[in-house]
Amino acid sequence: MERNSTATEIRDFVMQERGRAVSDREWKFRLRGYGYGIRDTSEGRVVTSLLGGREICRLGGFHA
């Protein structure tokens, strides 16, 4: 995973989209439109790239 300003910007964008969405399902659907996905892991949620499948950043302790 990257630890730089781009990853921070993506995390901020993802969280802004969460605030706009009514449900977890809508949030994930909206993110797919931008090429991102959310993977739930034992350590929390991770933002992934749908194109490459790689992990971009963690969302910390955020859980729905």
C-alpha atoms as a PDB file:
ATOM      1  CA  MET A   1       0.000   0.000   0.000  1.00  0.00           C
ATOM      2  CA  GLU A   2       1.093   3.522  -0.713  1.00  0.00           C
ATOM      3  CA  ARG A   3       1.669   6.021   2.057  1.00  0.00           C
ATOM      4  CA  ASN A   4       1.738   9.358   0.318  1.00  0.00           C
ATOM      5  CA  SER A   5      -0.391  12.364  -0.459  1.00  0.00           C
ATOM      6  CA  THR A   6      -2.211  10.558  -3.293  1.00  0.00           C
ATOM      7  CA  ALA A   7      -3.352   7.808  -0.926  1.00  0.00           C
ATOM      8  CA  THR A   8      -4.443  10.468   1.565  1.00  0.00           C
ATOM      9  CA  GLU A   9      -6.424  12.293  -1.121  1.00  0.00           C
ATOM     10  CA  ILE A  10      -8.109   9.049  -2.175  1.00  0.00           C
ATOM     11  CA  ARG A  11      -8.966   8.194   1.444  1.00  0.00           C
ATOM     12  CA  ASP A  12     -10.450  11.684   1.917  1.00  0.00           C
ATOM     13  CA  PHE A  13     -12.481  11.313  -1.283  1.00  0.00           C
ATOM     14  CA  VAL A  14     -13.748   7.872  -0.244  1.00  0.00           C
ATOM     15  CA  MET A  15     -14.862   9.208   3.132  1.00  0.00           C
ATOM     16  CA  GLN A  16     -16.590  12.198   1.496  1.00  0.00           C
ATOM     17  CA  GLU A  17     -18.491   9.774  -0.719  1.00  0.00           C
ATOM     18  CA  ARG A  18     -19.475   7.805   2.389  1.00  0.00           C
ATOM     19  CA  GLY A  19     -21.015  10.963   3.792  1.00  0.00           C
ATOM     20  CA  ARG A  20     -23.070  11.428   0.618  1.00  0.00           C
ATOM     21  CA  ALA A  21     -24.335   7.838   0.486  1.00  0.00           C
ATOM     22  CA  VAL A  22     -27.421   6.701   2.374  1.00  0.00           C
ATOM     23  CA  SER A  23     -26.188   3.129   2.860  1.00  0.00           C
ATOM     24  CA  ASP A  24     -23.043   1.054   2.779  1.00  0.00           C
ATOM     25  CA  ARG A  25     -24.271  -0.608  -0.404  1.00  0.00           C
ATOM     26  CA  GLU A  26     -24.810   2.735  -2.165  1.00  0.00           C
ATOM     27  CA  TRP A  27     -21.359   3.907  -1.026  1.00  0.00           C
ATOM     28  CA  LYS A  28     -19.653   0.869  -2.550  1.00  0.00           C
ATOM     29  CA  PHE A  29     -21.675   1.276  -5.750  1.00  0.00           C
ATOM     30  CA  ARG A  30     -20.665   4.941  -6.027  1.00  0.00           C
ATOM     31  CA  LEU A  31     -16.995   4.053  -5.509  1.00  0.00           C
ATOM     32  CA  ARG A  32     -17.118   1.415  -8.251  1.00  0.00           C
ATOM     33  CA  GLY A  33     -18.082   4.188 -10.646  1.00  0.00           C
ATOM     34  CA  TYR A  34     -14.756   5.867  -9.829  1.00  0.00           C
ATOM     35  CA  GLY A  35     -12.756   2.646 -10.093  1.00  0.00           C
ATOM     36  CA  TYR A  36     -12.400   1.978  -6.371  1.00  0.00           C
ATOM     37  CA  GLY A  37     -13.560  -0.833  -4.161  1.00  0.00           C
ATOM     38  CA  ILE A  38     -13.730  -1.562  -0.452  1.00  0.00           C
ATOM     39  CA  ARG A  39     -12.367  -4.779   0.974  1.00  0.00           C
ATOM     40  CA  ASP A  40     -13.210  -5.785   4.541  1.00  0.00           C
ATOM     41  CA  THR A  41     -10.260  -7.384   6.318  1.00  0.00           C
ATOM     42  CA  SER A  42      -9.611  -8.494   9.876  1.00  0.00           C
ATOM     43  CA  GLU A  43      -7.646  -5.260  10.333  1.00  0.00           C
ATOM     44  CA  GLY A  44     -10.401  -2.979   8.993  1.00  0.00           C
ATOM     45  CA  ARG A  45     -11.478  -1.712   5.612  1.00  0.00           C
ATOM     46  CA  VAL A  46      -9.090  -1.209   2.707  1.00  0.00           C
ATOM     47  CA  VAL A  47      -9.604   0.899  -0.416  1.00  0.00           C
ATOM     48  CA  THR A  48      -8.623  -1.025  -3.537  1.00  0.00           C
ATOM     49  CA  SER A  49      -8.212  -0.252  -7.221  1.00  0.00           C
ATOM     50  CA  LEU A  50     -10.687  -2.145  -9.378  1.00  0.00           C
ATOM     51  CA  LEU A  51      -8.353  -1.928 -12.365  1.00  0.00           C
ATOM     52  CA  GLY A  52      -5.275  -3.432 -10.758  1.00  0.00           C
ATOM     53  CA  GLY A  53      -6.786  -5.027  -7.668  1.00  0.00           C
ATOM     54  CA  ARG A  54      -4.076  -3.506  -5.503  1.00  0.00           C
ATOM     55  CA  GLU A  55      -4.610  -2.005  -2.086  1.00  0.00           C
ATOM     56  CA  ILE A  56      -4.396   1.782  -2.025  1.00  0.00           C
ATOM     57  CA  CYS A  57      -4.932   2.712   1.623  1.00  0.00           C
ATOM     58  CA  ARG A  58      -6.593   1.652   4.851  1.00  0.00           C
ATOM     59  CA  LEU A  59      -9.633   3.384   6.257  1.00  0.00           C
ATOM     60  CA  GLY A  60      -8.482   2.858   9.819  1.00  0.00           C
ATOM     61  CA  GLY A  61     -11.065   1.783  12.319  1.00  0.00           C
ATOM     62  CA  PHE A  62     -14.011   2.839  10.126  1.00  0.00           C
ATOM     63  CA  HIS A  63     -16.728   0.209  10.065  1.00  0.00           C
ATOM     64  CA  ALA A  64     -20.316   0.536   8.871  1.00  0.00           C
END
